[in-house]
Amino acid sequence: MQGNELTNEGEQSEAAEREAAKQRLLAQAEADRVPVNDTTRVVPDRRWRRDQR
Protein backbone atom coordinates (compact mmCIF):
# COMPACT_ATOMS: atom_id res chain seq x y z
CA MET A 1 0.00 0.00 0.00
CA GLN A 2 2.91 2.34 0.66
CA GLY A 3 4.02 2.17 -3.00
CA ASN A 4 0.53 3.25 -4.03
CA GLU A 5 0.70 6.19 -1.62
CA LEU A 6 4.02 7.29 -3.08
CA THR A 7 2.60 7.12 -6.60
CA ASN A 8 -0.38 9.17 -5.47
CA GLU A 9 1.94 11.74 -3.85
CA GLY A 10 4.04 11.83 -7.02
CA GLU A 11 0.95 12.37 -9.15
CA GLN A 12 -0.25 15.11 -6.82
CA SER A 13 3.17 16.76 -6.95
CA GLU A 14 3.20 16.62 -10.77
CA ALA A 15 -0.33 18.00 -10.92
CA ALA A 16 0.69 20.88 -8.63
CA GLU A 17 3.75 21.57 -10.81
CA ARG A 18 1.62 21.55 -13.97
CA GLU A 19 -0.86 23.94 -12.39
CA ALA A 20 1.96 26.26 -11.28
CA ALA A 21 3.44 26.20 -14.79
CA LYS A 22 0.01 26.93 -16.25
CA GLN A 23 -0.41 29.91 -13.94
CA ARG A 24 3.05 31.23 -14.88
CA LEU A 25 2.21 30.92 -18.58
CA LEU A 26 -1.12 32.71 -18.10
CA ALA A 27 0.57 35.49 -16.12
CA GLN A 28 3.25 35.88 -18.81
CA ALA A 29 0.64 35.96 -21.57
CA GLU A 30 -1.33 38.60 -19.69
CA ALA A 31 1.84 40.67 -19.18
CA ASP A 32 2.67 40.44 -22.90
CA ARG A 33 -0.87 41.21 -24.04
CA VAL A 34 -1.33 44.52 -25.85
CA PRO A 35 -4.61 46.26 -24.99
CA VAL A 36 -6.83 47.04 -27.97
CA ASN A 37 -6.65 50.76 -27.23
CA ASP A 38 -2.85 50.68 -27.55
CA THR A 39 -2.79 49.14 -31.00
CA THR A 40 -2.24 51.40 -33.95
CA ARG A 41 -4.84 51.75 -36.64
CA VAL A 42 -3.99 50.44 -40.04
CA VAL A 43 -3.54 53.16 -42.62
CA PRO A 44 -4.56 51.98 -46.08
CA ASP A 45 -1.71 51.78 -48.53
CA ARG A 46 -2.93 53.48 -51.70
CA ARG A 47 0.29 53.02 -53.66
CA TRP A 48 -1.32 50.17 -55.61
CA ARG A 49 -3.77 52.65 -57.15
CA ARG A 50 -0.88 54.62 -58.68
CA ASP A 51 0.30 51.48 -60.44
CA GLN A 52 -3.12 50.88 -61.97
CA ARG A 53 -3.26 54.22 -63.79
C-alpha atoms as a PDB file:
ATOM      1  CA  MET A   1       0.000   0.000   0.000  1.00  0.00           C
ATOM      2  CA  GLN A   2       2.908   2.343   0.656  1.00  0.00           C
ATOM      3  CA  GLY A   3       4.017   2.174  -3.001  1.00  0.00           C
ATOM      4  CA  ASN A   4       0.527   3.248  -4.031  1.00  0.00           C
ATOM      5  CA  GLU A   5       0.696   6.192  -1.616  1.00  0.00           C
ATOM      6  CA  LEU A   6       4.022   7.292  -3.084  1.00  0.00           C
ATOM      7  CA  THR A   7       2.596   7.117  -6.598  1.00  0.00           C
ATOM      8  CA  ASN A   8      -0.376   9.169  -5.468  1.00  0.00           C
ATOM      9  CA  GLU A   9       1.937  11.740  -3.845  1.00  0.00           C
ATOM     10  CA  GLY A  10       4.043  11.834  -7.017  1.00  0.00           C
ATOM     11  CA  GLU A  11       0.951  12.375  -9.153  1.00  0.00           C
ATOM     12  CA  GLN A  12      -0.254  15.109  -6.817  1.00  0.00           C
ATOM     13  CA  SER A  13       3.168  16.757  -6.952  1.00  0.00           C
ATOM     14  CA  GLU A  14       3.201  16.618 -10.770  1.00  0.00           C
ATOM     15  CA  ALA A  15      -0.328  18.001 -10.920  1.00  0.00           C
ATOM     16  CA  ALA A  16       0.692  20.878  -8.634  1.00  0.00           C
ATOM     17  CA  GLU A  17       3.752  21.568 -10.806  1.00  0.00           C
ATOM     18  CA  ARG A  18       1.616  21.548 -13.972  1.00  0.00           C
ATOM     19  CA  GLU A  19      -0.862  23.945 -12.390  1.00  0.00           C
ATOM     20  CA  ALA A  20       1.961  26.263 -11.279  1.00  0.00           C
ATOM     21  CA  ALA A  21       3.440  26.201 -14.789  1.00  0.00           C
ATOM     22  CA  LYS A  22       0.006  26.925 -16.249  1.00  0.00           C
ATOM     23  CA  GLN A  23      -0.411  29.912 -13.935  1.00  0.00           C
ATOM     24  CA  ARG A  24       3.053  31.228 -14.878  1.00  0.00           C
ATOM     25  CA  LEU A  25       2.206  30.925 -18.576  1.00  0.00           C
ATOM     26  CA  LEU A  26      -1.116  32.711 -18.099  1.00  0.00           C
ATOM     27  CA  ALA A  27       0.574  35.487 -16.119  1.00  0.00           C
ATOM     28  CA  GLN A  28       3.254  35.877 -18.809  1.00  0.00           C
ATOM     29  CA  ALA A  29       0.642  35.960 -21.566  1.00  0.00           C
ATOM     30  CA  GLU A  30      -1.327  38.602 -19.687  1.00  0.00           C
ATOM     31  CA  ALA A  31       1.838  40.670 -19.180  1.00  0.00           C
ATOM     32  CA  ASP A  32       2.671  40.436 -22.903  1.00  0.00           C
ATOM     33  CA  ARG A  33      -0.872  41.214 -24.044  1.00  0.00           C
ATOM     34  CA  VAL A  34      -1.326  44.523 -25.849  1.00  0.00           C
ATOM     35  CA  PRO A  35      -4.609  46.257 -24.993  1.00  0.00           C
ATOM     36  CA  VAL A  36      -6.828  47.035 -27.970  1.00  0.00           C
ATOM     37  CA  ASN A  37      -6.648  50.756 -27.233  1.00  0.00           C
ATOM     38  CA  ASP A  38      -2.851  50.678 -27.551  1.00  0.00           C
ATOM     39  CA  THR A  39      -2.785  49.138 -31.005  1.00  0.00           C
ATOM     40  CA  THR A  40      -2.238  51.398 -33.951  1.00  0.00           C
ATOM     41  CA  ARG A  41      -4.839  51.747 -36.641  1.00  0.00           C
ATOM     42  CA  VAL A  42      -3.995  50.441 -40.040  1.00  0.00           C
ATOM     43  CA  VAL A  43      -3.538  53.157 -42.624  1.00  0.00           C
ATOM     44  CA  PRO A  44      -4.556  51.980 -46.075  1.00  0.00           C
ATOM     45  CA  ASP A  45      -1.713  51.781 -48.528  1.00  0.00           C
ATOM     46  CA  ARG A  46      -2.933  53.475 -51.695  1.00  0.00           C
ATOM     47  CA  ARG A  47       0.289  53.018 -53.660  1.00  0.00           C
ATOM     48  CA  TRP A  48      -1.320  50.171 -55.613  1.00  0.00           C
ATOM     49  CA  ARG A  49      -3.767  52.649 -57.148  1.00  0.00           C
ATOM     50  CA  ARG A  50      -0.882  54.618 -58.680  1.00  0.00           C
ATOM     51  CA  ASP A  51       0.303  51.479 -60.442  1.00  0.00           C
ATOM     52  CA  GLN A  52      -3.122  50.884 -61.967  1.00  0.00           C
ATOM     53  CA  ARG A  53      -3.257  54.218 -63.791  1.00  0.00           C
END
